[in-house]
Amino acid sequence: MTINTKYFLEANQLKRQGKLEQAIALYYQAIELNPNFSWSGLTQRYYI
């Protein structure tokens, strides 16, 4: 599991808990680390 995937999954968990600001911060961290990361496969498996 890449760090981007880890951030993505953790952000999804925070979102489900209603912690939207924390979730958004993790999404941004993942994007900053790798702006070319392919989110398309993840969004099909893990609904944002």
N, C-alpha and C. Protein backbone atom coordinates (compact mmCIF):
# COMPACT_ATOMS: atom_id res chain seq x y z
N MET A 1 0.85 -1.17 0.00
CA MET A 1 0.00 0.00 0.00
C MET A 1 0.90 1.24 0.00
N THR A 2 0.64 2.13 -0.93
CA THR A 2 1.43 3.35 -1.00
C THR A 2 0.95 4.34 0.04
N ILE A 3 1.77 5.34 0.31
CA ILE A 3 1.40 6.38 1.27
C ILE A 3 0.16 7.14 0.79
N ASN A 4 0.03 7.32 -0.52
CA ASN A 4 -1.16 7.99 -1.05
C ASN A 4 -2.42 7.19 -0.73
N THR A 5 -2.35 5.89 -0.93
CA THR A 5 -3.49 5.04 -0.64
C THR A 5 -3.82 5.08 0.85
N LYS A 6 -2.79 5.06 1.67
CA LYS A 6 -3.00 5.11 3.13
C LYS A 6 -3.70 6.41 3.51
N TYR A 7 -3.22 7.54 2.98
CA TYR A 7 -3.87 8.82 3.27
C TYR A 7 -5.30 8.82 2.78
N PHE A 8 -5.52 8.29 1.61
CA PHE A 8 -6.84 8.25 1.01
C PHE A 8 -7.81 7.45 1.88
N LEU A 9 -7.40 6.26 2.30
CA LEU A 9 -8.26 5.41 3.12
C LEU A 9 -8.52 6.04 4.49
N GLU A 10 -7.48 6.62 5.07
CA GLU A 10 -7.65 7.29 6.37
C GLU A 10 -8.58 8.50 6.24
N ALA A 11 -8.44 9.24 5.15
CA ALA A 11 -9.30 10.40 4.92
C ALA A 11 -10.75 9.95 4.75
N ASN A 12 -10.97 8.85 4.05
CA ASN A 12 -12.33 8.33 3.91
C ASN A 12 -12.93 7.96 5.26
N GLN A 13 -12.11 7.37 6.11
CA GLN A 13 -12.59 7.00 7.44
C GLN A 13 -12.96 8.25 8.25
N LEU A 14 -12.12 9.26 8.19
CA LEU A 14 -12.42 10.51 8.88
C LEU A 14 -13.69 11.15 8.34
N LYS A 15 -13.86 11.07 7.03
CA LYS A 15 -15.07 11.64 6.42
C LYS A 15 -16.31 10.94 6.95
N ARG A 16 -16.26 9.62 7.04
CA ARG A 16 -17.40 8.87 7.55
C ARG A 16 -17.71 9.23 9.01
N GLN A 17 -16.69 9.64 9.75
CA GLN A 17 -16.86 10.03 11.14
C GLN A 17 -17.31 11.48 11.27
N GLY A 18 -17.45 12.17 10.14
CA GLY A 18 -17.88 13.56 10.17
C GLY A 18 -16.75 14.55 10.41
N LYS A 19 -15.52 14.09 10.34
CA LYS A 19 -14.34 14.95 10.56
C LYS A 19 -13.84 15.44 9.21
N LEU A 20 -14.64 16.29 8.59
CA LEU A 20 -14.39 16.69 7.20
C LEU A 20 -13.12 17.51 7.03
N GLU A 21 -12.85 18.42 7.93
CA GLU A 21 -11.63 19.25 7.78
C GLU A 21 -10.38 18.39 7.85
N GLN A 22 -10.37 17.41 8.75
CA GLN A 22 -9.21 16.52 8.86
C GLN A 22 -9.09 15.64 7.61
N ALA A 23 -10.22 15.19 7.09
CA ALA A 23 -10.21 14.37 5.89
C ALA A 23 -9.67 15.16 4.71
N ILE A 24 -10.13 16.37 4.54
CA ILE A 24 -9.68 17.22 3.44
C ILE A 24 -8.18 17.46 3.54
N ALA A 25 -7.68 17.67 4.75
CA ALA A 25 -6.24 17.89 4.94
C ALA A 25 -5.44 16.68 4.47
N LEU A 26 -5.93 15.48 4.75
CA LEU A 26 -5.23 14.28 4.30
C LEU A 26 -5.28 14.12 2.79
N TYR A 27 -6.44 14.43 2.19
CA TYR A 27 -6.52 14.39 0.73
C TYR A 27 -5.48 15.33 0.12
N TYR A 28 -5.38 16.54 0.66
CA TYR A 28 -4.40 17.50 0.14
C TYR A 28 -2.98 17.00 0.33
N GLN A 29 -2.68 16.37 1.46
CA GLN A 29 -1.33 15.84 1.69
C GLN A 29 -0.99 14.79 0.64
N ALA A 30 -1.93 13.92 0.36
CA ALA A 30 -1.69 12.87 -0.64
C ALA A 30 -1.43 13.48 -2.00
N ILE A 31 -2.21 14.48 -2.35
CA ILE A 31 -2.03 15.14 -3.65
C ILE A 31 -0.69 15.86 -3.72
N GLU A 32 -0.29 16.52 -2.64
CA GLU A 32 1.01 17.21 -2.63
C GLU A 32 2.15 16.22 -2.78
N LEU A 33 2.05 15.06 -2.15
CA LEU A 33 3.11 14.06 -2.25
C LEU A 33 3.24 13.50 -3.66
N ASN A 34 2.11 13.33 -4.32
CA ASN A 34 2.15 12.76 -5.66
C ASN A 34 0.95 13.28 -6.47
N PRO A 35 1.11 14.44 -7.10
CA PRO A 35 -0.01 15.02 -7.85
C PRO A 35 -0.44 14.18 -9.06
N ASN A 36 0.39 13.24 -9.48
CA ASN A 36 0.05 12.40 -10.64
C ASN A 36 -0.53 11.06 -10.23
N PHE A 37 -0.77 10.87 -8.96
CA PHE A 37 -1.33 9.61 -8.46
C PHE A 37 -2.70 9.37 -9.08
N SER A 38 -2.93 8.14 -9.49
CA SER A 38 -4.21 7.80 -10.15
C SER A 38 -5.26 7.45 -9.10
N TRP A 39 -6.20 8.35 -8.93
CA TRP A 39 -7.28 8.13 -7.97
C TRP A 39 -8.41 7.34 -8.58
N SER A 40 -8.45 7.18 -9.88
CA SER A 40 -9.61 6.58 -10.54
C SER A 40 -9.88 5.15 -10.06
N GLY A 41 -8.86 4.34 -9.90
CA GLY A 41 -9.07 2.98 -9.44
C GLY A 41 -9.55 2.93 -8.00
N LEU A 42 -9.08 3.85 -7.19
CA LEU A 42 -9.49 3.88 -5.80
C LEU A 42 -10.92 4.35 -5.63
N THR A 43 -11.31 5.33 -6.41
CA THR A 43 -12.66 5.86 -6.23
C THR A 43 -13.71 4.82 -6.63
N GLN A 44 -13.34 3.88 -7.45
CA GLN A 44 -14.29 2.83 -7.80
C GLN A 44 -14.42 1.82 -6.66
N ARG A 45 -13.33 1.59 -5.92
CA ARG A 45 -13.36 0.64 -4.82
C ARG A 45 -13.79 1.27 -3.51
N TYR A 46 -13.37 2.50 -3.29
CA TYR A 46 -13.62 3.18 -2.02
C TYR A 46 -14.35 4.48 -2.33
N TYR A 47 -15.62 4.50 -2.13
CA TYR A 47 -16.42 5.68 -2.46
C TYR A 47 -16.03 6.84 -1.58
N ILE A 48 -15.74 7.96 -2.21
CA ILE A 48 -15.36 9.18 -1.48
C ILE A 48 -16.58 9.76 -0.82
